[in-house]
Amino acid sequence: MSGTDVNKLGKVAVLLGGTSAEREVSLMSGTGVLQALQSLGVDAHLFDPAERDLQQLKTERFDRCFIALHGRHGEDGCVQGALEMMGIPYTGSGVMASAIAMDKVMTKRIWLAEGLPTPRHVWLSPDQQDAATIAALPGQLGLPLIVKAPREGSSIGVTKVTAVEDIQAAVAESLRFDPDVLGEEFIQGDELTCPVMGEGADARALPVIRIVPPEAGYDYQNKYFTDDVRYLCPSGLPEAEEREIQRIVLAAYRALGCRGWGRADLMVRASDRKPFLLEINTSPGMTSHSLVPMSARATGIDYPQLCLRVLASARLDSARPV
């Protein structure tokens, strides 16, 4: 990819910001991507859909978009669909894969159908959120358990529940961000993440990163704004275990129809070293604390080259890769 002719990439919009709860992180990701692309001579410009009409991408004759949006309306198929309608190639997964991957419940359904391991879960739709149903979650999933907003990322709306009396408050916190609630079995063990680049049979898993959070946990603050989390890459896992995790991650990525790039998050249960898929991110973070750049660096790909590779993979659903 070092031979990529940046002039052939044309005028590039780096989409960042947006309207989701992850806006702050997206602004950091997009700014980093812009600076990296410009340092390589790419004609790149910032474009915040929260402040400008997407139709301006067409009127201003942008040739392709690097999607550095996170969360709703940026990572869930909405922007991808708009770009499809305008015929502007974009980075990352297409409309369907983006929409499915953004919804953790739908993602689990597909993974389970494909025989891929993911923690036991209970989905509470808006008509299943009475106090008695919520109170039954610990009996169904055990304690501790995790309560999540199914369509948010960056640990937003996530609570680890360790006592029965805390379950109602955890659900209330999740409901601040999503009308649905996902209760999930807590897996005690190593927290891992594994990026993927490419598409279909050509997709490749990058090195696994082991995440060692502080006592307070791997929450939004620690993910992006402190240096209290340790990230181990190489992971220090046995070679056979790392290969198996990469195999499962590739299968999970392909099952959803992802393309371009992505990053899967997993837990490995301490008691028997069984891996469990948690979610897949189709527009991963690109901040100073982000994990795809860290993993890519372990293979000799620096941040600007990573951005260029992702940008060069931009396409439309209707256009098969050349």
Protein backbone atom coordinates (compact mmCIF):
# COMPACT_ATOMS: atom_id res chain seq x y z
CA MET A 1 0.00 0.00 0.00
CA SER A 2 3.04 2.25 0.26
CA GLY A 3 2.77 2.52 -3.54
CA THR A 4 -0.71 4.11 -3.37
CA ASP A 5 -0.91 7.20 -5.60
CA VAL A 6 -2.54 9.74 -3.27
CA ASN A 7 -3.53 11.88 -6.23
CA LYS A 8 -5.80 9.10 -7.47
CA LEU A 9 -7.69 9.16 -4.17
CA GLY A 10 -9.13 12.55 -5.10
CA LYS A 11 -10.82 14.98 -2.73
CA VAL A 12 -11.45 13.24 0.59
CA ALA A 13 -13.93 14.10 3.33
CA VAL A 14 -13.08 12.87 6.82
CA LEU A 15 -16.47 12.49 8.48
CA LEU A 16 -16.27 13.16 12.21
CA GLY A 17 -18.29 14.43 15.15
CA GLY A 18 -21.89 13.64 14.34
CA THR A 19 -24.78 13.50 16.78
CA SER A 20 -24.18 10.30 18.78
CA ALA A 21 -23.16 9.94 22.42
CA GLU A 22 -19.66 9.17 21.08
CA ARG A 23 -19.26 12.58 19.40
CA GLU A 24 -16.33 13.62 21.59
CA VAL A 25 -14.34 10.49 20.73
CA SER A 26 -15.19 10.84 17.04
CA LEU A 27 -13.84 14.39 16.98
CA MET A 28 -10.53 13.07 18.32
CA SER A 29 -10.45 10.17 15.85
CA GLY A 30 -11.26 12.33 12.84
CA THR A 31 -8.73 15.02 13.69
CA GLY A 32 -6.00 12.39 13.96
CA VAL A 33 -6.99 10.80 10.65
CA LEU A 34 -7.09 14.19 8.88
CA GLN A 35 -3.59 15.12 10.06
CA ALA A 36 -2.24 11.70 9.05
CA LEU A 37 -3.74 11.81 5.56
CA GLN A 38 -2.63 15.39 4.96
CA SER A 39 0.91 14.46 6.06
CA LEU A 40 0.96 11.96 3.17
CA GLY A 41 -0.25 14.55 0.65
CA VAL A 42 -3.92 13.49 0.54
CA ASP A 43 -6.38 16.29 -0.29
CA ALA A 44 -8.38 15.67 2.91
CA HIS A 45 -10.93 17.94 4.63
CA LEU A 46 -12.97 17.70 7.83
CA PHE A 47 -16.74 17.30 7.50
CA ASP A 48 -19.03 17.20 10.53
CA PRO A 49 -22.55 15.93 9.63
CA ALA A 50 -23.90 17.57 12.78
CA GLU A 51 -23.01 20.96 11.34
CA ARG A 52 -23.34 20.46 7.58
CA ASP A 53 -25.87 18.79 5.28
CA LEU A 54 -24.50 15.57 3.84
CA GLN A 55 -25.69 16.65 0.41
CA GLN A 56 -22.80 19.14 0.41
CA LEU A 57 -20.46 16.19 -0.07
CA LYS A 58 -21.88 15.85 -3.56
CA THR A 59 -22.18 19.54 -4.38
CA GLU A 60 -18.57 20.09 -3.22
CA ARG A 61 -17.44 17.15 -5.36
CA PHE A 62 -15.82 14.93 -2.78
CA ASP A 63 -14.51 11.71 -4.32
CA ARG A 64 -14.52 9.49 -1.22
CA CYS A 65 -15.15 9.59 2.51
CA PHE A 66 -13.16 8.31 5.46
CA ILE A 67 -15.80 7.55 8.09
CA ALA A 68 -14.41 8.46 11.52
CA LEU A 69 -17.91 8.70 13.01
CA HIS A 70 -18.75 6.44 15.95
CA GLY A 71 -22.16 5.33 17.18
CA ARG A 72 -25.60 6.18 15.87
CA HIS A 73 -26.08 7.87 12.51
CA GLY A 74 -22.40 7.25 11.72
CA GLU A 75 -21.63 3.60 12.34
CA ASP A 76 -25.11 2.09 12.02
CA GLY A 77 -25.74 2.16 8.28
CA CYS A 78 -27.42 5.58 8.11
CA VAL A 79 -24.49 7.56 6.70
CA GLN A 80 -23.46 4.57 4.63
CA GLY A 81 -26.91 4.52 3.01
CA ALA A 82 -26.76 8.24 2.25
CA LEU A 83 -23.34 7.85 0.64
CA GLU A 84 -24.64 4.91 -1.42
CA MET A 85 -27.45 7.14 -2.70
CA MET A 86 -24.94 9.85 -3.64
CA GLY A 87 -22.49 7.38 -5.18
CA ILE A 88 -19.57 8.44 -2.97
CA PRO A 89 -17.30 5.54 -1.91
CA TYR A 90 -16.65 5.27 1.83
CA THR A 91 -14.47 3.35 4.25
CA GLY A 92 -15.59 0.44 6.38
CA SER A 93 -18.56 -1.88 6.19
CA GLY A 94 -21.60 -1.40 3.99
CA VAL A 95 -25.17 -0.59 4.98
CA MET A 96 -26.31 -4.03 6.15
CA ALA A 97 -23.17 -5.05 8.04
CA SER A 98 -22.94 -1.63 9.70
CA ALA A 99 -26.57 -1.78 10.84
CA ILE A 100 -26.30 -5.31 12.21
CA ALA A 101 -22.96 -4.79 13.96
CA MET A 102 -24.27 -1.67 15.68
CA ASP A 103 -27.04 -3.72 17.29
CA LYS A 104 -25.53 -6.15 19.81
CA VAL A 105 -28.70 -8.25 19.99
CA MET A 106 -28.86 -8.79 16.21
CA THR A 107 -25.11 -9.46 16.15
CA LYS A 108 -25.51 -12.17 18.80
CA ARG A 109 -28.33 -13.79 16.85
CA ILE A 110 -26.15 -14.17 13.78
CA TRP A 111 -23.11 -15.34 15.72
CA LEU A 112 -25.16 -17.93 17.59
CA ALA A 113 -26.67 -19.15 14.30
CA GLU A 114 -23.12 -19.54 12.98
CA GLY A 115 -22.03 -21.48 16.08
CA LEU A 116 -19.77 -18.69 17.35
CA PRO A 117 -19.34 -18.23 21.12
CA THR A 118 -20.91 -15.20 22.82
CA PRO A 119 -22.05 -14.75 26.44
CA ARG A 120 -25.59 -15.77 27.42
CA HIS A 121 -27.95 -12.81 27.23
CA VAL A 122 -31.48 -11.54 27.83
CA TRP A 123 -33.01 -8.86 25.61
CA LEU A 124 -35.59 -6.58 27.19
CA SER A 125 -37.68 -4.73 24.63
CA PRO A 126 -39.69 -1.68 25.77
CA ASP A 127 -42.71 -3.85 26.63
CA GLN A 128 -40.59 -6.15 28.82
CA GLN A 129 -39.16 -3.63 31.27
CA ASP A 130 -41.50 -3.89 34.23
CA ALA A 131 -39.84 -4.12 37.65
CA ALA A 132 -40.50 -7.85 38.03
CA THR A 133 -38.93 -8.74 34.67
CA ILE A 134 -35.90 -6.61 35.44
CA ALA A 135 -35.58 -8.13 38.92
CA ALA A 136 -35.48 -11.60 37.34
CA LEU A 137 -32.27 -10.89 35.38
CA PRO A 138 -29.83 -11.93 38.13
CA GLY A 139 -31.60 -15.27 38.48
CA GLN A 140 -31.36 -15.84 34.72
CA LEU A 141 -27.79 -14.71 34.15
CA GLY A 142 -26.17 -14.93 37.59
CA LEU A 143 -24.12 -12.30 39.38
CA PRO A 144 -22.19 -10.33 38.52
CA LEU A 145 -23.87 -9.51 35.21
CA ILE A 146 -23.53 -6.76 32.62
CA VAL A 147 -26.33 -4.39 31.58
CA LYS A 148 -25.80 -2.64 28.24
CA ALA A 149 -27.46 -0.26 25.83
CA PRO A 150 -27.57 -2.54 22.74
CA ARG A 151 -26.82 0.21 20.21
CA GLU A 152 -24.10 2.25 21.92
CA GLY A 153 -20.34 1.85 22.07
CA SER A 154 -17.36 3.17 24.04
CA SER A 155 -18.80 1.60 27.24
CA ILE A 156 -21.61 4.18 27.21
CA GLY A 157 -24.68 2.92 29.12
CA VAL A 158 -22.79 -0.12 30.47
CA THR A 159 -23.01 -1.20 34.12
CA LYS A 160 -21.50 -4.18 35.93
CA VAL A 161 -24.11 -5.32 38.44
CA THR A 162 -22.74 -7.14 41.49
CA ALA A 163 -25.79 -7.00 43.80
CA VAL A 164 -29.48 -7.72 43.19
CA GLU A 165 -30.53 -4.35 44.59
CA ASP A 166 -28.52 -2.53 41.89
CA ILE A 167 -30.25 -4.05 38.86
CA GLN A 168 -33.05 -1.47 38.55
CA ALA A 169 -30.58 1.45 38.57
CA ALA A 170 -28.40 -0.27 35.97
CA VAL A 171 -31.37 -0.70 33.63
CA ALA A 172 -32.36 2.94 34.17
CA GLU A 173 -28.84 4.01 33.16
CA SER A 174 -28.99 1.91 30.01
CA LEU A 175 -32.40 3.38 29.12
CA ARG A 176 -30.86 6.85 29.02
CA PHE A 177 -29.23 5.80 25.75
CA ASP A 178 -31.44 3.12 24.20
CA PRO A 179 -35.12 2.06 24.44
CA ASP A 180 -33.98 -1.59 24.58
CA VAL A 181 -31.85 -3.21 27.28
CA LEU A 182 -29.34 -6.04 26.97
CA GLY A 183 -28.51 -8.14 30.02
CA GLU A 184 -25.40 -10.24 29.51
CA GLU A 185 -23.61 -12.96 31.46
CA PHE A 186 -20.37 -11.66 33.00
CA ILE A 187 -17.28 -13.53 31.83
CA GLN A 188 -14.47 -13.47 34.38
CA GLY A 189 -11.10 -13.50 32.65
CA ASP A 190 -8.86 -11.70 30.15
CA GLU A 191 -10.27 -8.81 28.13
CA LEU A 192 -9.02 -8.82 24.54
CA THR A 193 -9.49 -7.00 21.29
CA CYS A 194 -8.49 -8.02 17.77
CA PRO A 195 -8.59 -5.80 14.66
CA VAL A 196 -9.32 -7.08 11.15
CA MET A 197 -8.46 -5.56 7.78
CA GLY A 198 -9.76 -6.58 4.37
CA GLU A 199 -12.81 -8.35 3.04
CA GLY A 200 -14.09 -11.89 2.61
CA ALA A 201 -11.44 -14.52 2.03
CA ASP A 202 -8.77 -11.81 1.91
CA ALA A 203 -9.58 -10.45 5.39
CA ARG A 204 -6.74 -10.81 7.89
CA ALA A 205 -6.69 -10.53 11.66
CA LEU A 206 -4.04 -8.26 13.19
CA PRO A 207 -2.27 -9.10 16.47
CA VAL A 208 -4.45 -9.53 19.55
CA ILE A 209 -4.25 -6.89 22.29
CA ARG A 210 -4.76 -7.85 25.94
CA ILE A 211 -6.38 -5.10 28.00
CA VAL A 212 -5.44 -4.83 31.66
CA PRO A 213 -7.78 -2.25 33.24
CA PRO A 214 -7.35 -0.60 36.62
CA GLU A 215 -9.49 -1.64 39.58
CA ALA A 216 -12.17 0.85 38.46
CA GLY A 217 -12.63 -1.07 35.21
CA TYR A 218 -12.42 -0.38 31.49
CA ASP A 219 -14.98 2.41 31.36
CA TYR A 220 -15.43 5.42 29.05
CA GLN A 221 -13.10 7.64 31.11
CA ASN A 222 -10.32 5.07 31.29
CA LYS A 223 -10.66 4.18 27.61
CA TYR A 224 -10.01 7.66 26.32
CA PHE A 225 -8.85 10.10 28.94
CA THR A 226 -6.43 8.39 31.36
CA ASP A 227 -3.28 6.30 31.12
CA ASP A 228 -4.39 3.88 33.82
CA VAL A 229 -5.18 1.02 31.42
CA ARG A 230 -2.34 -1.23 30.25
CA TYR A 231 -2.46 -2.58 26.69
CA LEU A 232 -0.29 -5.59 25.94
CA CYS A 233 0.69 -6.17 22.31
CA PRO A 234 2.14 -8.75 21.91
CA SER A 235 -0.66 -10.07 24.08
CA GLY A 236 1.47 -12.57 25.97
CA LEU A 237 -1.08 -15.31 25.25
CA PRO A 238 0.10 -18.76 24.16
CA GLU A 239 0.59 -18.78 20.38
CA ALA A 240 -2.10 -21.41 19.80
CA GLU A 241 -4.61 -19.41 21.86
CA GLU A 242 -3.89 -16.21 19.93
CA ARG A 243 -4.34 -18.03 16.62
CA GLU A 244 -7.67 -19.47 17.78
CA ILE A 245 -8.90 -16.03 18.84
CA GLN A 246 -7.90 -14.61 15.45
CA ARG A 247 -9.76 -17.47 13.74
CA ILE A 248 -12.94 -16.79 15.71
CA VAL A 249 -12.70 -13.04 15.10
CA LEU A 250 -12.32 -13.54 11.35
CA ALA A 251 -15.33 -15.87 11.34
CA ALA A 252 -17.36 -13.29 13.30
CA TYR A 253 -16.32 -10.47 10.94
CA ARG A 254 -17.17 -12.48 7.83
CA ALA A 255 -20.48 -13.74 9.27
CA LEU A 256 -21.74 -10.15 9.52
CA GLY A 257 -20.46 -9.27 6.04
CA CYS A 258 -17.98 -6.68 7.33
CA ARG A 259 -15.40 -5.17 5.02
CA GLY A 260 -12.55 -2.68 4.98
CA TRP A 261 -11.64 -2.84 8.62
CA GLY A 262 -13.11 -3.50 12.05
CA ARG A 263 -12.28 -4.59 15.58
CA ALA A 264 -13.81 -7.36 17.67
CA ASP A 265 -13.87 -7.30 21.48
CA LEU A 266 -13.74 -10.55 23.44
CA MET A 267 -13.39 -12.10 26.87
CA VAL A 268 -11.45 -15.29 27.58
CA ARG A 269 -12.90 -17.12 30.56
CA ALA A 270 -10.22 -17.72 33.17
CA SER A 271 -11.61 -21.08 34.31
CA ASP A 272 -11.29 -22.90 30.97
CA ARG A 273 -9.73 -20.33 28.57
CA LYS A 274 -12.83 -20.36 26.35
CA PRO A 275 -13.19 -17.15 24.27
CA PHE A 276 -16.48 -15.25 24.04
CA LEU A 277 -17.25 -12.59 21.43
CA LEU A 278 -18.76 -9.41 22.87
CA GLU A 279 -19.19 -7.09 19.90
CA ILE A 280 -17.65 -5.87 16.66
CA ASN A 281 -16.86 -2.24 15.82
CA THR A 282 -17.13 -1.30 12.14
CA SER A 283 -15.76 2.22 12.61
CA PRO A 284 -13.07 1.74 15.27
CA GLY A 285 -11.52 4.57 17.24
CA MET A 286 -8.42 6.27 15.89
CA THR A 287 -7.48 8.39 18.93
CA SER A 288 -4.16 8.40 20.79
CA HIS A 289 -5.58 5.66 23.05
CA SER A 290 -7.07 3.57 20.23
CA LEU A 291 -6.28 -0.06 19.65
CA VAL A 292 -6.31 -0.65 15.90
CA PRO A 293 -3.28 1.66 15.43
CA MET A 294 -1.49 -0.13 18.28
CA SER A 295 -2.07 -3.56 16.75
CA ALA A 296 -1.14 -2.36 13.24
CA ARG A 297 2.07 -0.84 14.59
CA ALA A 298 3.08 -4.30 15.88
CA THR A 299 3.07 -5.47 12.25
CA GLY A 300 5.09 -2.49 11.02
CA ILE A 301 2.20 -0.31 9.82
CA ASP A 302 2.42 3.20 11.27
CA TYR A 303 -0.60 5.44 11.91
CA PRO A 304 -0.47 7.46 8.65
CA GLN A 305 -0.02 4.31 6.56
CA LEU A 306 -2.90 2.65 8.40
CA CYS A 307 -5.14 5.61 7.58
CA LEU A 308 -4.04 5.46 3.94
CA ARG A 309 -4.74 1.72 3.69
CA VAL A 310 -8.21 2.16 5.12
CA LEU A 311 -8.91 5.11 2.81
CA ALA A 312 -7.71 3.20 -0.27
CA SER A 313 -10.21 0.41 0.55
CA ALA A 314 -13.21 2.80 0.31
CA ARG A 315 -15.98 1.61 -1.98
CA LEU A 316 -19.72 1.29 -2.44
CA ASP A 317 -21.89 -1.76 -1.70
CA SER A 318 -22.69 -1.92 -5.40
CA ALA A 319 -19.03 -1.84 -6.47
CA ARG A 320 -17.04 -5.02 -5.96
CA PRO A 321 -13.37 -4.56 -5.07
CA VAL A 322 -11.02 -4.33 -8.04
